[in-house]
Amino acid sequence: MSKYLLSYHGGGMPATPEEGEKVMAAWNSWMGGLGKALVDGGNPTGPSRTIAASGTVSDGGGANPTTGYSILEAANLDAAVKASQGCPILASGGSIEVAELMPM
């Protein structure tokens, strides 16, 4: 079994506290359904900066900034992608990048 980084991008913020509760319930339900495959539920991310090879620093994380992450354990990349397809960020217009974490 390998570990996979789920990098969340985009997604909308709830407009009301009630909407926020529904969104959190959806996340808790999805994560609970992953069971032991969820190695680290992760966290949302805050403001970011991008550092270029030239040393230039820009605010905002580029065109599609990271908004959070989780770490899953799965048999292969296809299984990690399949497990990610129920993630609530997709319902709010966001996307997920799934990448294998390479052992060192």
C-alpha atoms as a PDB file:
ATOM      1  CA  MET A   1       0.000   0.000   0.000  1.00  0.00           C
ATOM      2  CA  SER A   2       1.214   3.467  -0.880  1.00  0.00           C
ATOM      3  CA  LYS A   3       0.344   6.861   0.535  1.00  0.00           C
ATOM      4  CA  TYR A   4      -1.212   9.569  -1.624  1.00  0.00           C
ATOM      5  CA  LEU A   5      -1.366  13.312  -1.140  1.00  0.00           C
ATOM      6  CA  LEU A   6      -4.716  14.860  -1.956  1.00  0.00           C
ATOM      7  CA  SER A   7      -4.158  18.540  -2.712  1.00  0.00           C
ATOM      8  CA  TYR A   8      -7.432  20.446  -2.736  1.00  0.00           C
ATOM      9  CA  HIS A   9      -7.781  23.448  -5.035  1.00  0.00           C
ATOM     10  CA  GLY A  10     -10.550  26.036  -5.142  1.00  0.00           C
ATOM     11  CA  GLY A  11     -14.008  25.353  -3.810  1.00  0.00           C
ATOM     12  CA  GLY A  12     -16.399  27.894  -2.387  1.00  0.00           C
ATOM     13  CA  MET A  13     -16.809  29.093   1.158  1.00  0.00           C
ATOM     14  CA  PRO A  14     -20.207  28.601   2.837  1.00  0.00           C
ATOM     15  CA  ALA A  15     -22.327  31.762   2.801  1.00  0.00           C
ATOM     16  CA  THR A  16     -23.999  31.154   6.172  1.00  0.00           C
ATOM     17  CA  PRO A  17     -23.188  29.350   9.422  1.00  0.00           C
ATOM     18  CA  GLU A  18     -25.952  26.843   8.615  1.00  0.00           C
ATOM     19  CA  GLU A  19     -24.369  26.130   5.238  1.00  0.00           C
ATOM     20  CA  GLY A  20     -21.014  25.753   6.999  1.00  0.00           C
ATOM     21  CA  GLU A  21     -22.494  23.089   9.280  1.00  0.00           C
ATOM     22  CA  LYS A  22     -23.804  21.166   6.253  1.00  0.00           C
ATOM     23  CA  VAL A  23     -20.421  21.375   4.529  1.00  0.00           C
ATOM     24  CA  MET A  24     -18.618  20.124   7.655  1.00  0.00           C
ATOM     25  CA  ALA A  25     -21.118  17.273   7.994  1.00  0.00           C
ATOM     26  CA  ALA A  26     -20.433  16.285   4.366  1.00  0.00           C
ATOM     27  CA  TRP A  27     -16.662  16.336   4.974  1.00  0.00           C
ATOM     28  CA  ASN A  28     -17.009  14.313   8.190  1.00  0.00           C
ATOM     29  CA  SER A  29     -19.215  11.770   6.425  1.00  0.00           C
ATOM     30  CA  TRP A  30     -16.824  11.398   3.484  1.00  0.00           C
ATOM     31  CA  MET A  31     -13.755  11.118   5.710  1.00  0.00           C
ATOM     32  CA  GLY A  32     -15.520   8.644   7.996  1.00  0.00           C
ATOM     33  CA  GLY A  33     -16.341   6.501   4.980  1.00  0.00           C
ATOM     34  CA  LEU A  34     -12.660   6.282   4.078  1.00  0.00           C
ATOM     35  CA  GLY A  35     -11.976   4.419   7.319  1.00  0.00           C
ATOM     36  CA  LYS A  36      -8.375   3.367   7.928  1.00  0.00           C
ATOM     37  CA  ALA A  37      -7.406   4.493   4.412  1.00  0.00           C
ATOM     38  CA  LEU A  38      -7.424   8.069   5.723  1.00  0.00           C
ATOM     39  CA  VAL A  39      -3.909   8.419   7.149  1.00  0.00           C
ATOM     40  CA  ASP A  40      -4.172  12.167   7.840  1.00  0.00           C
ATOM     41  CA  GLY A  41      -7.383  14.158   7.444  1.00  0.00           C
ATOM     42  CA  GLY A  42      -5.256  17.226   6.843  1.00  0.00           C
ATOM     43  CA  ASN A  43      -6.357  20.820   7.133  1.00  0.00           C
ATOM     44  CA  PRO A  44      -7.407  23.775   5.050  1.00  0.00           C
ATOM     45  CA  THR A  45      -4.534  26.037   4.043  1.00  0.00           C
ATOM     46  CA  GLY A  46      -4.265  29.780   4.480  1.00  0.00           C
ATOM     47  CA  PRO A  47      -2.720  32.485   2.330  1.00  0.00           C
ATOM     48  CA  SER A  48       0.303  31.341   0.363  1.00  0.00           C
ATOM     49  CA  ARG A  49       3.247  32.643  -1.613  1.00  0.00           C
ATOM     50  CA  THR A  50       5.034  31.111  -4.575  1.00  0.00           C
ATOM     51  CA  ILE A  51       8.829  31.263  -4.845  1.00  0.00           C
ATOM     52  CA  ALA A  52      10.227  31.028  -8.384  1.00  0.00           C
ATOM     53  CA  ALA A  53      13.678  29.683  -9.284  1.00  0.00           C
ATOM     54  CA  SER A  54      14.735  33.288  -9.907  1.00  0.00           C
ATOM     55  CA  GLY A  55      13.919  34.109  -6.293  1.00  0.00           C
ATOM     56  CA  THR A  56      10.829  36.129  -7.193  1.00  0.00           C
ATOM     57  CA  VAL A  57       8.063  35.776  -4.617  1.00  0.00           C
ATOM     58  CA  SER A  58       4.412  36.255  -5.552  1.00  0.00           C
ATOM     59  CA  ASP A  59       1.325  36.230  -3.350  1.00  0.00           C
ATOM     60  CA  GLY A  60      -1.679  33.993  -3.785  1.00  0.00           C
ATOM     61  CA  GLY A  61      -0.316  30.643  -4.937  1.00  0.00           C
ATOM     62  CA  GLY A  62      -0.793  31.211  -8.650  1.00  0.00           C
ATOM     63  CA  ALA A  63      -3.817  30.519 -10.827  1.00  0.00           C
ATOM     64  CA  ASN A  64      -5.060  27.502  -8.845  1.00  0.00           C
ATOM     65  CA  PRO A  65      -3.855  27.791  -5.240  1.00  0.00           C
ATOM     66  CA  THR A  66      -3.953  24.920  -2.786  1.00  0.00           C
ATOM     67  CA  THR A  67      -6.826  25.241  -0.312  1.00  0.00           C
ATOM     68  CA  GLY A  68      -6.144  22.120   1.773  1.00  0.00           C
ATOM     69  CA  TYR A  69      -4.805  18.583   1.857  1.00  0.00           C
ATOM     70  CA  SER A  70      -5.342  15.039   3.133  1.00  0.00           C
ATOM     71  CA  ILE A  71      -3.259  11.857   2.961  1.00  0.00           C
ATOM     72  CA  LEU A  72      -4.746   8.505   1.946  1.00  0.00           C
ATOM     73  CA  GLU A  73      -3.369   5.005   1.817  1.00  0.00           C
ATOM     74  CA  ALA A  74      -4.410   2.989  -1.242  1.00  0.00           C
ATOM     75  CA  ALA A  75      -3.322   0.023  -3.346  1.00  0.00           C
ATOM     76  CA  ASN A  76      -2.545   2.235  -6.351  1.00  0.00           C
ATOM     77  CA  LEU A  77      -3.185   5.628  -7.936  1.00  0.00           C
ATOM     78  CA  ASP A  78      -6.469   4.500  -9.503  1.00  0.00           C
ATOM     79  CA  ALA A  79      -7.787   3.381  -6.101  1.00  0.00           C
ATOM     80  CA  ALA A  80      -6.753   6.706  -4.528  1.00  0.00           C
ATOM     81  CA  VAL A  81      -8.513   8.624  -7.311  1.00  0.00           C
ATOM     82  CA  LYS A  82     -11.657   6.518  -6.897  1.00  0.00           C
ATOM     83  CA  ALA A  83     -11.697   7.142  -3.132  1.00  0.00           C
ATOM     84  CA  SER A  84     -11.276  10.879  -3.770  1.00  0.00           C
ATOM     85  CA  GLN A  85     -14.222  11.170  -6.136  1.00  0.00           C
ATOM     86  CA  GLY A  86     -16.726  11.502  -3.281  1.00  0.00           C
ATOM     87  CA  CYS A  87     -14.894  14.446  -1.711  1.00  0.00           C
ATOM     88  CA  PRO A  88     -17.199  17.398  -0.901  1.00  0.00           C
ATOM     89  CA  ILE A  89     -14.808  19.943  -2.429  1.00  0.00           C
ATOM     90  CA  LEU A  90     -15.910  18.720  -5.851  1.00  0.00           C
ATOM     91  CA  ALA A  91     -19.525  19.723  -5.086  1.00  0.00           C
ATOM     92  CA  SER A  92     -18.395  23.302  -4.427  1.00  0.00           C
ATOM     93  CA  GLY A  93     -16.548  23.668  -7.736  1.00  0.00           C
ATOM     94  CA  GLY A  94     -13.105  22.682  -6.451  1.00  0.00           C
ATOM     95  CA  SER A  95     -10.677  20.082  -7.725  1.00  0.00           C
ATOM     96  CA  ILE A  96      -8.304  17.513  -6.263  1.00  0.00           C
ATOM     97  CA  GLU A  97      -4.790  16.651  -7.356  1.00  0.00           C
ATOM     98  CA  VAL A  98      -3.877  13.102  -6.297  1.00  0.00           C
ATOM     99  CA  ALA A  99      -0.151  12.284  -6.132  1.00  0.00           C
ATOM    100  CA  GLU A 100       1.741   9.295  -4.763  1.00  0.00           C
ATOM    101  CA  LEU A 101       4.088  10.111  -1.891  1.00  0.00           C
ATOM    102  CA  MET A 102       7.409   8.489  -2.692  1.00  0.00           C
ATOM    103  CA  PRO A 103       9.307   6.803   0.160  1.00  0.00           C
ATOM    104  CA  MET A 104      12.796   8.129   0.781  1.00  0.00           C
END
